[in-house]
Amino acid sequence: MEPQAPHLTYVLEGRDVVAEPDTRRWDDWMRAARSRDGLVVERTRMTPGLAVVTLFMGIDHNLVAPTDDGPAKVFETMVLRDGEIGDQRLYATWEAAALGHRQVVAALRAEAWL
């Protein structure tokens, strides 16, 4: 049996990541989720010019820019400084993304990155 090709696009069922190989269905799902703010895992405004946002991206960043052979990396935490994207971290699950978000916020609050 041939190995199954990895998927590029994913959706959420609740907080569970599910492959969606049909790009039209994926696009419809992403538009609907975006309209209800359903892509946001957490968002924290630290100061007027500093924020941390963690999102479900729906695209496997591990395929786009491979870092390992692990699971699909479909969540991303970004540090935004004056609207510019700074540090970024990738995760495979909602739970890991939420934890990672809290860790980044804690590090910023401890002035480790300020």
N, C-alpha and C. Protein backbone atom coordinates (compact mmCIF):
# COMPACT_ATOMS: atom_id res chain seq x y z
N MET A 1 0.84 -1.17 0.00
CA MET A 1 0.00 0.00 0.00
C MET A 1 0.89 1.24 0.00
N GLU A 2 0.55 2.21 -0.84
CA GLU A 2 1.29 3.46 -0.92
C GLU A 2 1.04 4.30 0.33
N PRO A 3 2.06 5.01 0.82
CA PRO A 3 1.80 5.90 1.95
C PRO A 3 0.87 7.02 1.52
N GLN A 4 -0.02 7.44 2.42
CA GLN A 4 -0.96 8.51 2.12
C GLN A 4 -0.22 9.84 2.08
N ALA A 5 -0.52 10.63 1.07
CA ALA A 5 0.10 11.96 0.97
C ALA A 5 -0.39 12.83 2.12
N PRO A 6 0.48 13.66 2.67
CA PRO A 6 0.06 14.54 3.75
C PRO A 6 -0.93 15.58 3.23
N HIS A 7 -1.76 16.06 4.09
CA HIS A 7 -2.74 17.09 3.74
C HIS A 7 -2.15 18.46 3.99
N LEU A 8 -2.60 19.42 3.21
CA LEU A 8 -2.16 20.80 3.40
C LEU A 8 -3.20 21.61 4.16
N THR A 9 -4.49 21.31 3.93
CA THR A 9 -5.56 22.12 4.50
C THR A 9 -6.35 21.35 5.55
N TYR A 10 -6.73 22.08 6.61
CA TYR A 10 -7.43 21.50 7.76
C TYR A 10 -8.53 22.43 8.23
N VAL A 11 -9.50 21.85 8.92
CA VAL A 11 -10.57 22.61 9.58
C VAL A 11 -10.65 22.12 11.02
N LEU A 12 -11.51 22.77 11.78
CA LEU A 12 -11.73 22.35 13.16
C LEU A 12 -13.13 21.77 13.31
N GLU A 13 -13.21 20.68 14.06
CA GLU A 13 -14.49 20.16 14.54
C GLU A 13 -14.44 20.32 16.04
N GLY A 14 -15.08 21.37 16.53
CA GLY A 14 -14.88 21.77 17.91
C GLY A 14 -13.48 22.32 18.01
N ARG A 15 -12.65 21.66 18.82
CA ARG A 15 -11.23 22.05 18.91
C ARG A 15 -10.32 21.00 18.29
N ASP A 16 -10.90 20.01 17.65
CA ASP A 16 -10.12 18.95 17.01
C ASP A 16 -9.78 19.32 15.57
N VAL A 17 -8.54 19.07 15.19
CA VAL A 17 -8.05 19.34 13.83
C VAL A 17 -8.41 18.18 12.93
N VAL A 18 -9.05 18.49 11.78
CA VAL A 18 -9.49 17.48 10.83
C VAL A 18 -9.02 17.88 9.43
N ALA A 19 -8.39 16.95 8.72
CA ALA A 19 -7.94 17.23 7.35
C ALA A 19 -9.14 17.52 6.46
N GLU A 20 -8.99 18.52 5.59
CA GLU A 20 -10.03 18.85 4.61
C GLU A 20 -9.35 19.00 3.25
N PRO A 21 -9.29 17.92 2.48
CA PRO A 21 -8.59 17.97 1.19
C PRO A 21 -9.35 18.75 0.10
N ASP A 22 -10.64 18.96 0.27
CA ASP A 22 -11.43 19.70 -0.72
C ASP A 22 -11.24 21.19 -0.45
N THR A 23 -10.51 21.86 -1.32
CA THR A 23 -10.16 23.26 -1.08
C THR A 23 -11.38 24.18 -1.10
N ARG A 24 -12.41 23.84 -1.84
CA ARG A 24 -13.62 24.68 -1.84
C ARG A 24 -14.32 24.59 -0.49
N ARG A 25 -14.44 23.37 0.05
CA ARG A 25 -15.06 23.22 1.37
C ARG A 25 -14.19 23.89 2.45
N TRP A 26 -12.86 23.74 2.31
CA TRP A 26 -11.94 24.37 3.25
C TRP A 26 -12.12 25.89 3.22
N ASP A 27 -12.16 26.48 2.02
CA ASP A 27 -12.32 27.92 1.89
C ASP A 27 -13.65 28.38 2.48
N ASP A 28 -14.72 27.65 2.23
CA ASP A 28 -16.04 28.00 2.80
C ASP A 28 -15.98 27.95 4.32
N TRP A 29 -15.35 26.90 4.85
CA TRP A 29 -15.25 26.75 6.30
C TRP A 29 -14.44 27.91 6.90
N MET A 30 -13.30 28.23 6.28
CA MET A 30 -12.44 29.30 6.79
C MET A 30 -13.17 30.64 6.77
N ARG A 31 -13.90 30.93 5.71
CA ARG A 31 -14.65 32.20 5.63
C ARG A 31 -15.70 32.28 6.73
N ALA A 32 -16.42 31.19 6.93
CA ALA A 32 -17.45 31.17 7.97
C ALA A 32 -16.83 31.32 9.36
N ALA A 33 -15.73 30.62 9.61
CA ALA A 33 -15.06 30.70 10.91
C ALA A 33 -14.51 32.10 11.14
N ARG A 34 -13.92 32.69 10.13
CA ARG A 34 -13.36 34.04 10.24
C ARG A 34 -14.45 35.05 10.57
N SER A 35 -15.63 34.89 9.97
CA SER A 35 -16.71 35.85 10.18
C SER A 35 -17.24 35.83 11.61
N ARG A 36 -17.06 34.73 12.31
CA ARG A 36 -17.52 34.64 13.71
C ARG A 36 -16.35 34.62 14.69
N ASP A 37 -15.17 35.04 14.21
CA ASP A 37 -13.95 35.08 15.04
C ASP A 37 -13.57 33.69 15.54
N GLY A 38 -13.95 32.66 14.77
CA GLY A 38 -13.72 31.28 15.16
C GLY A 38 -12.31 30.77 14.94
N LEU A 39 -11.44 31.60 14.40
CA LEU A 39 -10.06 31.20 14.17
C LEU A 39 -9.15 31.60 15.33
N VAL A 40 -9.66 32.42 16.23
CA VAL A 40 -8.87 32.95 17.34
C VAL A 40 -8.87 31.96 18.50
N VAL A 41 -7.68 31.52 18.88
CA VAL A 41 -7.52 30.70 20.08
C VAL A 41 -7.47 31.63 21.29
N GLU A 42 -6.57 32.61 21.25
CA GLU A 42 -6.46 33.63 22.29
C GLU A 42 -5.86 34.89 21.69
N ARG A 43 -6.21 36.03 22.30
CA ARG A 43 -5.67 37.33 21.88
C ARG A 43 -5.42 38.13 23.15
N THR A 44 -4.21 38.67 23.30
CA THR A 44 -3.86 39.44 24.49
C THR A 44 -3.19 40.74 24.07
N ARG A 45 -3.76 41.85 24.48
CA ARG A 45 -3.13 43.16 24.22
C ARG A 45 -2.27 43.50 25.43
N MET A 46 -0.98 43.59 25.22
CA MET A 46 -0.04 43.84 26.31
C MET A 46 0.10 45.34 26.59
N THR A 47 0.31 46.12 25.54
CA THR A 47 0.43 47.57 25.59
C THR A 47 -0.21 48.09 24.32
N PRO A 48 -0.36 49.41 24.15
CA PRO A 48 -0.96 49.90 22.91
C PRO A 48 -0.24 49.42 21.63
N GLY A 49 1.05 49.17 21.70
CA GLY A 49 1.78 48.74 20.50
C GLY A 49 2.25 47.30 20.53
N LEU A 50 1.80 46.52 21.53
CA LEU A 50 2.28 45.15 21.67
C LEU A 50 1.12 44.22 21.96
N ALA A 51 0.98 43.19 21.13
CA ALA A 51 -0.10 42.22 21.31
C ALA A 51 0.42 40.82 20.98
N VAL A 52 -0.27 39.84 21.53
CA VAL A 52 0.00 38.44 21.23
C VAL A 52 -1.31 37.85 20.72
N VAL A 53 -1.25 37.20 19.58
CA VAL A 53 -2.45 36.57 19.03
C VAL A 53 -2.10 35.14 18.61
N THR A 54 -3.00 34.24 18.92
CA THR A 54 -2.84 32.84 18.54
C THR A 54 -4.06 32.44 17.72
N LEU A 55 -3.81 31.93 16.52
CA LEU A 55 -4.87 31.63 15.55
C LEU A 55 -4.76 30.22 15.02
N PHE A 56 -5.91 29.69 14.61
CA PHE A 56 -5.95 28.49 13.78
C PHE A 56 -5.75 28.97 12.36
N MET A 57 -4.69 28.50 11.69
CA MET A 57 -4.37 28.97 10.35
C MET A 57 -4.99 28.10 9.26
N GLY A 58 -5.27 26.83 9.57
CA GLY A 58 -5.92 25.95 8.60
C GLY A 58 -5.01 25.37 7.54
N ILE A 59 -3.75 25.78 7.53
CA ILE A 59 -2.77 25.28 6.57
C ILE A 59 -1.61 24.69 7.35
N ASP A 60 -1.14 23.53 6.93
CA ASP A 60 -0.03 22.88 7.61
C ASP A 60 1.27 23.61 7.30
N HIS A 61 1.74 24.41 8.24
CA HIS A 61 2.99 25.14 8.05
C HIS A 61 4.20 24.21 8.07
N ASN A 62 4.01 23.00 8.55
CA ASN A 62 5.10 22.03 8.53
C ASN A 62 5.34 21.53 7.10
N LEU A 63 4.32 21.60 6.25
CA LEU A 63 4.50 21.26 4.83
C LEU A 63 5.01 22.46 4.04
N VAL A 64 4.52 23.64 4.39
CA VAL A 64 4.90 24.86 3.69
C VAL A 64 6.37 25.18 3.95
N ALA A 65 6.77 25.10 5.21
CA ALA A 65 8.16 25.37 5.61
C ALA A 65 8.56 24.30 6.61
N PRO A 66 8.95 23.12 6.13
CA PRO A 66 9.18 21.98 7.02
C PRO A 66 10.21 22.25 8.11
N THR A 67 9.82 21.87 9.33
CA THR A 67 10.74 21.95 10.47
C THR A 67 10.97 20.57 11.07
N ASP A 68 10.05 19.65 10.82
CA ASP A 68 10.19 18.29 11.34
C ASP A 68 9.20 17.39 10.61
N ASP A 69 9.20 16.11 10.95
CA ASP A 69 8.28 15.17 10.33
C ASP A 69 7.05 14.93 11.19
N GLY A 70 6.82 15.79 12.16
CA GLY A 70 5.73 15.62 13.10
C GLY A 70 4.37 15.93 12.51
N PRO A 71 3.39 16.07 13.39
CA PRO A 71 2.02 16.33 12.95
C PRO A 71 1.89 17.71 12.30
N ALA A 72 0.76 17.91 11.65
CA ALA A 72 0.48 19.19 10.99
C ALA A 72 0.54 20.33 12.00
N LYS A 73 1.24 21.38 11.64
CA LYS A 73 1.33 22.59 12.47
C LYS A 73 0.35 23.60 11.89
N VAL A 74 -0.83 23.68 12.49
CA VAL A 74 -1.91 24.49 11.92
C VAL A 74 -2.32 25.66 12.81
N PHE A 75 -1.67 25.82 13.96
CA PHE A 75 -1.91 26.95 14.85
C PHE A 75 -0.64 27.78 14.92
N GLU A 76 -0.82 29.09 15.11
CA GLU A 76 0.34 29.97 15.16
C GLU A 76 0.13 31.06 16.21
N THR A 77 1.15 31.26 17.03
CA THR A 77 1.19 32.40 17.95
C THR A 77 2.13 33.43 17.35
N MET A 78 1.67 34.67 17.31
CA MET A 78 2.47 35.76 16.77
C MET A 78 2.55 36.90 17.78
N VAL A 79 3.73 37.45 17.92
CA VAL A 79 3.92 38.66 18.72
C VAL A 79 3.88 39.82 17.72
N LEU A 80 2.95 40.75 17.96
CA LEU A 80 2.79 41.91 17.07
C LEU A 80 3.29 43.15 17.79
N ARG A 81 4.31 43.77 17.21
CA ARG A 81 4.87 45.01 17.75
C ARG A 81 4.59 46.13 16.75
N ASP A 82 3.76 47.07 17.16
CA ASP A 82 3.37 48.18 16.29
C ASP A 82 2.89 47.67 14.93
N GLY A 83 2.10 46.59 14.95
CA GLY A 83 1.52 46.04 13.73
C GLY A 83 2.43 45.12 12.95
N GLU A 84 3.69 45.03 13.33
CA GLU A 84 4.65 44.16 12.64
C GLU A 84 4.74 42.81 13.36
N ILE A 85 4.78 41.73 12.58
CA ILE A 85 4.90 40.40 13.17
C ILE A 85 6.33 40.17 13.62
N GLY A 86 6.46 39.80 14.89
CA GLY A 86 7.78 39.48 15.45
C GLY A 86 7.91 37.98 15.60
N ASP A 87 8.12 37.53 16.81
CA ASP A 87 8.30 36.11 17.10
C ASP A 87 7.05 35.33 16.72
N GLN A 88 7.26 34.13 16.17
CA GLN A 88 6.15 33.25 15.79
C GLN A 88 6.46 31.84 16.30
N ARG A 89 5.41 31.16 16.73
CA ARG A 89 5.53 29.77 17.17
C ARG A 89 4.39 28.98 16.58
N LEU A 90 4.68 27.73 16.23
CA LEU A 90 3.69 26.86 15.58
C LEU A 90 3.33 25.69 16.50
N TYR A 91 2.07 25.23 16.36
CA TYR A 91 1.56 24.14 17.19
C TYR A 91 0.65 23.24 16.37
N ALA A 92 0.47 22.03 16.88
CA ALA A 92 -0.37 21.05 16.19
C ALA A 92 -1.78 20.95 16.78
N THR A 93 -1.95 21.35 18.03
CA THR A 93 -3.26 21.20 18.67
C THR A 93 -3.72 22.51 19.30
N TRP A 94 -5.03 22.62 19.50
CA TRP A 94 -5.61 23.80 20.16
C TRP A 94 -5.01 23.95 21.55
N GLU A 95 -4.92 22.83 22.28
CA GLU A 95 -4.42 22.87 23.65
C GLU A 95 -2.97 23.35 23.70
N ALA A 96 -2.13 22.84 22.81
CA ALA A 96 -0.73 23.27 22.76
C ALA A 96 -0.64 24.75 22.38
N ALA A 97 -1.49 25.19 21.47
CA ALA A 97 -1.49 26.60 21.05
C ALA A 97 -1.92 27.51 22.19
N ALA A 98 -2.94 27.12 22.95
CA ALA A 98 -3.40 27.93 24.07
C ALA A 98 -2.31 28.01 25.14
N LEU A 99 -1.67 26.88 25.43
CA LEU A 99 -0.57 26.87 26.40
C LEU A 99 0.59 27.73 25.91
N GLY A 100 0.96 27.58 24.64
CA GLY A 100 2.04 28.38 24.07
C GLY A 100 1.74 29.87 24.13
N HIS A 101 0.49 30.23 23.87
CA HIS A 101 0.08 31.63 23.96
C HIS A 101 0.32 32.16 25.38
N ARG A 102 -0.13 31.41 26.37
CA ARG A 102 0.04 31.84 27.76
C ARG A 102 1.52 31.95 28.13
N GLN A 103 2.35 31.05 27.60
CA GLN A 103 3.79 31.10 27.88
C GLN A 103 4.43 32.34 27.27
N VAL A 104 4.04 32.69 26.06
CA VAL A 104 4.57 33.89 25.41
C VAL A 104 4.14 35.13 26.18
N VAL A 105 2.88 35.19 26.58
CA VAL A 105 2.39 36.33 27.35
C VAL A 105 3.15 36.44 28.68
N ALA A 106 3.35 35.32 29.36
CA ALA A 106 4.09 35.33 30.63
C ALA A 106 5.53 35.81 30.42
N ALA A 107 6.16 35.37 29.35
CA ALA A 107 7.54 35.79 29.06
C ALA A 107 7.59 37.29 28.80
N LEU A 108 6.61 37.79 28.06
CA LEU A 108 6.57 39.23 27.81
C LEU A 108 6.33 40.01 29.10
N ARG A 109 5.44 39.50 29.91
CA ARG A 109 5.16 40.18 31.19
C ARG A 109 6.38 40.19 32.10
N ALA A 110 7.19 39.15 32.00
CA ALA A 110 8.43 39.09 32.79
C ALA A 110 9.56 39.89 32.14
N GLU A 111 9.21 40.59 31.05
CA GLU A 111 10.15 41.43 30.29
C GLU A 111 11.27 40.64 29.65
N ALA A 112 11.05 39.35 29.45
CA ALA A 112 12.06 38.53 28.77
C ALA A 112 12.20 38.94 27.31
N TRP A 113 11.13 39.46 26.70
CA TRP A 113 11.19 39.84 25.28
C TRP A 113 11.00 41.33 25.05
N LEU A 114 10.83 42.13 26.10
CA LEU A 114 10.58 43.56 25.93
C LEU A 114 11.87 44.34 25.76
